[in-house]
């Protein structure tokens, strides 16, 4: 359902007030987006999913069932689930790549700083 004209004006007013009050937070919120999983993570997730599928089938075929629970199949399902999660949400960075994060953070900070300065100049010029 689209917003009415009055609601759009109110939303724009709130957005301007947010930028005026805390431009750094506003630019951070506006620039936030989910990262897509890398190709390597997708391949790892797919391989783990296939391994889990094989374990699931092997668990059904083999007669190893303590307490009438197909343990291998349950473990295979958990491996499949982990593979799917890694393939879908695998875009997160590891804590070990701090050098890359620091360089990206510095460039992002300088970019956001320039944008904030431009915004302040425009806002104060009005």
N, C-alpha and C. Protein backbone atom coordinates (compact mmCIF):
# COMPACT_ATOMS: atom_id res chain seq x y z
N UNK A 1 0.85 -1.17 0.00
CA UNK A 1 0.00 0.00 0.00
C UNK A 1 0.90 1.24 0.00
N UNK A 2 0.76 2.11 -0.99
CA UNK A 2 1.61 3.30 -1.04
C UNK A 2 1.21 4.31 0.03
N UNK A 3 2.18 5.14 0.37
CA UNK A 3 1.93 6.18 1.36
C UNK A 3 1.15 7.33 0.74
N UNK A 4 0.33 7.95 1.55
CA UNK A 4 -0.38 9.12 1.06
C UNK A 4 0.59 10.29 0.95
N UNK A 5 0.17 11.35 0.30
CA UNK A 5 1.03 12.52 0.12
C UNK A 5 1.42 13.12 1.47
N UNK A 6 0.48 13.17 2.38
CA UNK A 6 0.74 13.71 3.71
C UNK A 6 1.76 12.85 4.45
N UNK A 7 1.61 11.53 4.37
CA UNK A 7 2.56 10.62 5.03
C UNK A 7 3.95 10.73 4.41
N UNK A 8 4.02 10.90 3.10
CA UNK A 8 5.33 11.06 2.46
C UNK A 8 6.02 12.34 2.93
N UNK A 9 5.24 13.43 3.04
CA UNK A 9 5.83 14.69 3.54
C UNK A 9 6.33 14.53 4.97
N UNK A 10 5.54 13.85 5.81
CA UNK A 10 5.96 13.62 7.19
C UNK A 10 7.23 12.79 7.25
N UNK A 11 7.30 11.74 6.41
CA UNK A 11 8.48 10.89 6.37
C UNK A 11 9.71 11.69 5.93
N UNK A 12 9.57 12.53 4.92
CA UNK A 12 10.68 13.37 4.47
C UNK A 12 11.11 14.35 5.56
N UNK A 13 10.16 14.87 6.29
CA UNK A 13 10.47 15.80 7.38
C UNK A 13 11.25 15.08 8.48
N UNK A 14 10.83 13.89 8.81
CA UNK A 14 11.53 13.09 9.82
C UNK A 14 12.95 12.77 9.34
N UNK A 15 13.07 12.43 8.06
CA UNK A 15 14.39 12.11 7.51
C UNK A 15 15.32 13.33 7.56
N UNK A 16 14.81 14.49 7.19
CA UNK A 16 15.63 15.72 7.26
C UNK A 16 16.05 16.02 8.69
N UNK A 17 15.12 15.83 9.63
CA UNK A 17 15.45 16.07 11.03
C UNK A 17 16.53 15.10 11.51
N UNK A 18 16.44 13.86 11.07
CA UNK A 18 17.45 12.87 11.45
C UNK A 18 18.81 13.26 10.89
N UNK A 19 18.85 13.66 9.62
CA UNK A 19 20.12 14.10 9.03
C UNK A 19 20.68 15.32 9.75
N UNK A 20 19.81 16.24 10.12
CA UNK A 20 20.28 17.44 10.81
C UNK A 20 20.80 17.11 12.20
N UNK A 21 20.14 16.19 12.87
CA UNK A 21 20.53 15.86 14.24
C UNK A 21 21.77 14.97 14.29
N UNK A 22 21.80 13.94 13.46
CA UNK A 22 22.92 12.99 13.49
C UNK A 22 23.21 12.48 12.09
N UNK A 23 23.96 13.24 11.30
CA UNK A 23 24.19 12.84 9.91
C UNK A 23 25.01 11.56 9.78
N UNK A 24 25.90 11.31 10.72
CA UNK A 24 26.71 10.10 10.63
C UNK A 24 25.84 8.84 10.79
N UNK A 25 24.96 8.88 11.78
CA UNK A 25 24.06 7.75 11.99
C UNK A 25 23.14 7.58 10.78
N UNK A 26 22.60 8.66 10.27
CA UNK A 26 21.69 8.59 9.14
C UNK A 26 22.38 8.01 7.91
N UNK A 27 23.62 8.43 7.66
CA UNK A 27 24.32 7.89 6.49
C UNK A 27 24.68 6.42 6.70
N UNK A 28 24.95 6.04 7.94
CA UNK A 28 25.25 4.64 8.23
C UNK A 28 24.01 3.77 8.01
N UNK A 29 22.87 4.23 8.46
CA UNK A 29 21.63 3.47 8.30
C UNK A 29 21.25 3.40 6.84
N UNK A 30 21.39 4.48 6.12
CA UNK A 30 21.01 4.50 4.71
C UNK A 30 21.93 3.59 3.90
N UNK A 31 23.21 3.53 4.25
CA UNK A 31 24.17 2.76 3.48
C UNK A 31 24.22 1.29 3.84
N UNK A 32 23.48 0.87 4.86
CA UNK A 32 23.54 -0.52 5.30
C UNK A 32 22.84 -1.42 4.30
N UNK A 33 23.50 -2.52 3.94
CA UNK A 33 22.89 -3.50 3.07
C UNK A 33 23.47 -4.86 3.39
N UNK A 34 22.74 -5.89 3.03
CA UNK A 34 23.23 -7.24 3.27
C UNK A 34 24.25 -7.60 2.21
N UNK A 35 25.26 -8.28 2.61
CA UNK A 35 26.27 -8.73 1.65
C UNK A 35 25.83 -10.05 1.05
N UNK A 36 26.11 -10.18 -0.23
CA UNK A 36 25.81 -11.43 -0.90
C UNK A 36 26.92 -12.43 -0.61
N UNK A 37 26.56 -13.71 -0.52
CA UNK A 37 27.60 -14.72 -0.30
C UNK A 37 28.55 -14.79 -1.49
N UNK A 38 29.81 -15.04 -1.19
CA UNK A 38 30.79 -15.16 -2.26
C UNK A 38 30.59 -16.49 -2.98
N UNK A 39 31.20 -16.60 -4.15
CA UNK A 39 31.07 -17.83 -4.92
C UNK A 39 31.67 -19.01 -4.15
N UNK A 40 32.78 -18.74 -3.48
CA UNK A 40 33.44 -19.79 -2.70
C UNK A 40 32.52 -20.30 -1.60
N UNK A 41 31.85 -19.37 -0.89
CA UNK A 41 30.93 -19.79 0.18
C UNK A 41 29.75 -20.58 -0.38
N UNK A 42 29.27 -20.18 -1.54
CA UNK A 42 28.16 -20.93 -2.14
C UNK A 42 28.59 -22.34 -2.50
N UNK A 43 29.79 -22.47 -3.05
CA UNK A 43 30.29 -23.81 -3.39
C UNK A 43 30.50 -24.65 -2.14
N UNK A 44 31.05 -24.04 -1.09
CA UNK A 44 31.24 -24.77 0.16
C UNK A 44 29.90 -25.22 0.73
N UNK A 45 28.92 -24.32 0.71
CA UNK A 45 27.59 -24.67 1.20
C UNK A 45 26.95 -25.78 0.40
N UNK A 46 27.11 -25.72 -0.94
CA UNK A 46 26.53 -26.77 -1.79
C UNK A 46 27.21 -28.11 -1.53
N UNK A 47 28.54 -28.10 -1.37
CA UNK A 47 29.25 -29.35 -1.09
C UNK A 47 28.82 -29.93 0.25
N UNK A 48 28.67 -29.08 1.25
CA UNK A 48 28.22 -29.54 2.56
C UNK A 48 26.80 -30.08 2.49
N UNK A 49 25.96 -29.42 1.70
CA UNK A 49 24.59 -29.89 1.53
C UNK A 49 24.56 -31.28 0.90
N UNK A 50 25.38 -31.47 -0.15
CA UNK A 50 25.44 -32.79 -0.80
C UNK A 50 25.99 -33.86 0.14
N UNK A 51 26.99 -33.51 0.94
CA UNK A 51 27.51 -34.46 1.93
C UNK A 51 26.42 -34.85 2.92
N UNK A 52 25.65 -33.88 3.35
CA UNK A 52 24.54 -34.16 4.26
C UNK A 52 23.49 -35.05 3.63
N UNK A 53 23.22 -34.83 2.35
CA UNK A 53 22.26 -35.67 1.63
C UNK A 53 22.74 -37.11 1.56
N UNK A 54 24.02 -37.28 1.27
CA UNK A 54 24.59 -38.63 1.23
C UNK A 54 24.49 -39.29 2.60
N UNK A 55 24.82 -38.56 3.65
CA UNK A 55 24.71 -39.11 5.01
C UNK A 55 23.27 -39.47 5.35
N UNK A 56 22.34 -38.65 4.91
CA UNK A 56 20.93 -38.92 5.16
C UNK A 56 20.51 -40.23 4.50
N UNK A 57 20.91 -40.45 3.26
CA UNK A 57 20.55 -41.68 2.54
C UNK A 57 21.25 -42.89 3.15
N UNK A 58 22.54 -42.73 3.46
CA UNK A 58 23.30 -43.83 4.07
C UNK A 58 22.69 -44.21 5.42
N UNK A 59 22.24 -43.23 6.17
CA UNK A 59 21.63 -43.50 7.47
C UNK A 59 20.33 -44.27 7.36
N UNK A 60 19.62 -44.08 6.28
CA UNK A 60 18.38 -44.83 6.07
C UNK A 60 18.69 -46.26 5.67
N UNK A 61 19.73 -46.45 4.86
CA UNK A 61 20.08 -47.78 4.35
C UNK A 61 20.74 -48.65 5.42
N UNK A 62 21.67 -48.09 6.18
CA UNK A 62 22.40 -48.87 7.18
C UNK A 62 21.51 -49.17 8.39
N UNK A 63 21.68 -50.35 8.98
CA UNK A 63 20.84 -50.74 10.12
C UNK A 63 21.36 -50.22 11.47
N UNK A 64 22.16 -49.18 11.49
CA UNK A 64 22.68 -48.63 12.75
C UNK A 64 21.64 -47.67 13.31
N UNK A 65 20.90 -48.17 14.33
CA UNK A 65 19.84 -47.36 14.91
C UNK A 65 19.76 -47.58 16.42
N UNK A 66 20.62 -46.90 17.16
CA UNK A 66 20.48 -47.03 18.62
C UNK A 66 19.19 -46.36 19.08
N UNK A 67 18.45 -47.04 19.92
CA UNK A 67 17.17 -46.58 20.45
C UNK A 67 16.17 -46.27 19.33
N UNK A 68 16.27 -47.02 18.22
CA UNK A 68 15.37 -46.87 17.07
C UNK A 68 15.42 -45.47 16.45
N UNK A 69 16.56 -44.79 16.58
CA UNK A 69 16.74 -43.46 15.99
C UNK A 69 17.85 -43.55 14.95
N UNK A 70 17.56 -43.19 13.71
CA UNK A 70 18.60 -43.23 12.67
C UNK A 70 19.58 -42.06 12.86
N UNK A 71 20.57 -42.28 13.70
CA UNK A 71 21.50 -41.23 14.10
C UNK A 71 22.24 -40.64 12.90
N UNK A 72 22.67 -41.50 11.98
CA UNK A 72 23.41 -41.01 10.81
C UNK A 72 22.51 -40.11 9.96
N UNK A 73 21.26 -40.48 9.83
CA UNK A 73 20.32 -39.65 9.05
C UNK A 73 20.08 -38.30 9.71
N UNK A 74 19.92 -38.31 11.01
CA UNK A 74 19.73 -37.05 11.73
C UNK A 74 20.95 -36.16 11.58
N UNK A 75 22.14 -36.75 11.72
CA UNK A 75 23.37 -35.99 11.53
C UNK A 75 23.47 -35.47 10.09
N UNK A 76 23.06 -36.29 9.13
CA UNK A 76 23.06 -35.87 7.74
C UNK A 76 22.13 -34.70 7.50
N UNK A 77 20.97 -34.72 8.13
CA UNK A 77 20.05 -33.59 8.00
C UNK A 77 20.66 -32.32 8.57
N UNK A 78 21.31 -32.43 9.73
CA UNK A 78 21.95 -31.25 10.33
C UNK A 78 23.07 -30.70 9.44
N UNK A 79 23.82 -31.59 8.81
CA UNK A 79 24.87 -31.16 7.88
C UNK A 79 24.25 -30.47 6.67
N UNK A 80 23.14 -31.03 6.16
CA UNK A 80 22.44 -30.39 5.04
C UNK A 80 21.97 -29.00 5.42
N UNK A 81 21.41 -28.87 6.59
CA UNK A 81 20.92 -27.57 7.06
C UNK A 81 22.06 -26.56 7.18
N UNK A 82 23.18 -27.01 7.75
CA UNK A 82 24.34 -26.12 7.88
C UNK A 82 24.85 -25.70 6.50
N UNK A 83 24.86 -26.61 5.54
CA UNK A 83 25.28 -26.28 4.18
C UNK A 83 24.38 -25.24 3.54
N UNK A 84 23.08 -25.38 3.75
CA UNK A 84 22.14 -24.40 3.19
C UNK A 84 22.34 -23.03 3.83
N UNK A 85 22.53 -23.01 5.14
CA UNK A 85 22.75 -21.73 5.84
C UNK A 85 24.03 -21.07 5.35
N UNK A 86 25.09 -21.83 5.19
CA UNK A 86 26.35 -21.27 4.71
C UNK A 86 26.19 -20.74 3.28
N UNK A 87 25.47 -21.47 2.44
CA UNK A 87 25.29 -21.04 1.06
C UNK A 87 24.45 -19.77 0.97
N UNK A 88 23.48 -19.62 1.84
CA UNK A 88 22.58 -18.47 1.78
C UNK A 88 23.14 -17.27 2.52
N UNK A 89 23.66 -17.49 3.72
CA UNK A 89 24.11 -16.38 4.56
C UNK A 89 25.62 -16.28 4.66
N UNK A 90 26.35 -16.88 3.77
CA UNK A 90 27.80 -16.97 3.89
C UNK A 90 28.57 -15.72 3.55
N UNK A 91 27.95 -14.55 3.49
CA UNK A 91 28.66 -13.33 3.10
C UNK A 91 29.37 -12.63 4.22
N UNK A 92 29.37 -13.16 5.39
CA UNK A 92 30.01 -12.49 6.52
C UNK A 92 31.51 -12.66 6.45
N UNK A 93 32.22 -11.68 6.98
CA UNK A 93 33.69 -11.72 6.96
C UNK A 93 34.22 -12.39 8.21
N UNK A 94 35.38 -12.96 8.05
CA UNK A 94 36.05 -13.56 9.20
C UNK A 94 36.78 -12.49 9.98
N UNK A 95 37.05 -12.77 11.25
CA UNK A 95 37.76 -11.81 12.08
C UNK A 95 39.23 -11.72 11.70
N UNK A 96 39.75 -12.70 10.95
CA UNK A 96 41.15 -12.73 10.60
C UNK A 96 41.54 -11.74 9.52
N UNK A 97 40.61 -11.23 8.73
CA UNK A 97 40.94 -10.33 7.64
C UNK A 97 40.83 -8.87 8.08
N UNK A 98 41.51 -8.53 9.14
CA UNK A 98 41.42 -7.18 9.70
C UNK A 98 42.08 -6.13 8.83
N UNK A 99 43.12 -6.50 8.10
CA UNK A 99 43.80 -5.54 7.23
C UNK A 99 42.86 -5.03 6.14
N UNK A 100 42.13 -5.96 5.52
CA UNK A 100 41.17 -5.57 4.50
C UNK A 100 40.05 -4.74 5.11
N UNK A 101 39.57 -5.16 6.29
CA UNK A 101 38.50 -4.41 6.94
C UNK A 101 38.94 -3.01 7.29
N UNK A 102 40.17 -2.86 7.77
CA UNK A 102 40.67 -1.55 8.15
C UNK A 102 40.78 -0.65 6.92
N UNK A 103 41.28 -1.18 5.82
CA UNK A 103 41.40 -0.38 4.60
C UNK A 103 40.02 0.01 4.08
N UNK A 104 39.09 -0.94 4.08
CA UNK A 104 37.75 -0.62 3.61
C UNK A 104 37.07 0.37 4.54
N UNK A 105 37.27 0.19 5.84
CA UNK A 105 36.68 1.11 6.82
C UNK A 105 37.22 2.51 6.64
N UNK A 106 38.53 2.64 6.40
CA UNK A 106 39.13 3.96 6.21
C UNK A 106 38.57 4.62 4.96
N UNK A 107 38.46 3.86 3.87
CA UNK A 107 37.93 4.46 2.64
C UNK A 107 36.45 4.79 2.82
N UNK A 108 35.71 3.94 3.53
CA UNK A 108 34.30 4.20 3.77
C UNK A 108 34.14 5.42 4.65
N UNK A 109 34.99 5.55 5.66
CA UNK A 109 34.91 6.71 6.54
C UNK A 109 35.22 7.99 5.79
N UNK A 110 36.22 7.96 4.92
CA UNK A 110 36.54 9.17 4.18
C UNK A 110 35.40 9.51 3.22
N UNK A 111 34.79 8.50 2.60
CA UNK A 111 33.66 8.75 1.72
C UNK A 111 32.48 9.32 2.50
N UNK A 112 32.15 8.70 3.61
CA UNK A 112 31.02 9.20 4.40
C UNK A 112 31.33 10.58 4.95
N UNK A 113 32.59 10.81 5.29
CA UNK A 113 32.96 12.13 5.80
C UNK A 113 32.75 13.18 4.72
N UNK A 114 33.16 12.88 3.48
CA UNK A 114 32.96 13.83 2.38
C UNK A 114 31.48 14.07 2.14
N UNK A 115 30.68 13.00 2.19
CA UNK A 115 29.24 13.15 1.98
C UNK A 115 28.61 13.99 3.09
N UNK A 116 29.03 13.77 4.32
CA UNK A 116 28.51 14.55 5.43
C UNK A 116 28.89 16.02 5.29
N UNK A 117 30.12 16.28 4.87
CA UNK A 117 30.56 17.67 4.68
C UNK A 117 29.73 18.35 3.58
N UNK A 118 29.50 17.64 2.49
CA UNK A 118 28.67 18.20 1.42
C UNK A 118 27.26 18.48 1.92
N UNK A 119 26.72 17.54 2.68
CA UNK A 119 25.37 17.73 3.20
C UNK A 119 25.30 18.94 4.13
N UNK A 120 26.29 19.06 5.00
CA UNK A 120 26.30 20.20 5.93
C UNK A 120 26.39 21.52 5.17
N UNK A 121 27.25 21.56 4.13
CA UNK A 121 27.38 22.79 3.34
C UNK A 121 26.05 23.14 2.67
N UNK A 122 25.38 22.15 2.13
CA UNK A 122 24.08 22.41 1.49
C UNK A 122 23.04 22.83 2.51
N UNK A 123 23.03 22.15 3.66
CA UNK A 123 22.02 22.43 4.67
C UNK A 123 22.23 23.80 5.28
N UNK A 124 23.48 24.17 5.55
CA UNK A 124 23.77 25.47 6.14
C UNK A 124 23.61 26.59 5.14
N UNK A 125 23.72 26.29 3.86
CA UNK A 125 23.58 27.30 2.82
C UNK A 125 22.14 27.74 2.61
N UNK A 126 21.19 26.93 3.08
CA UNK A 126 19.76 27.27 2.88
C UNK A 126 19.28 28.32 3.80
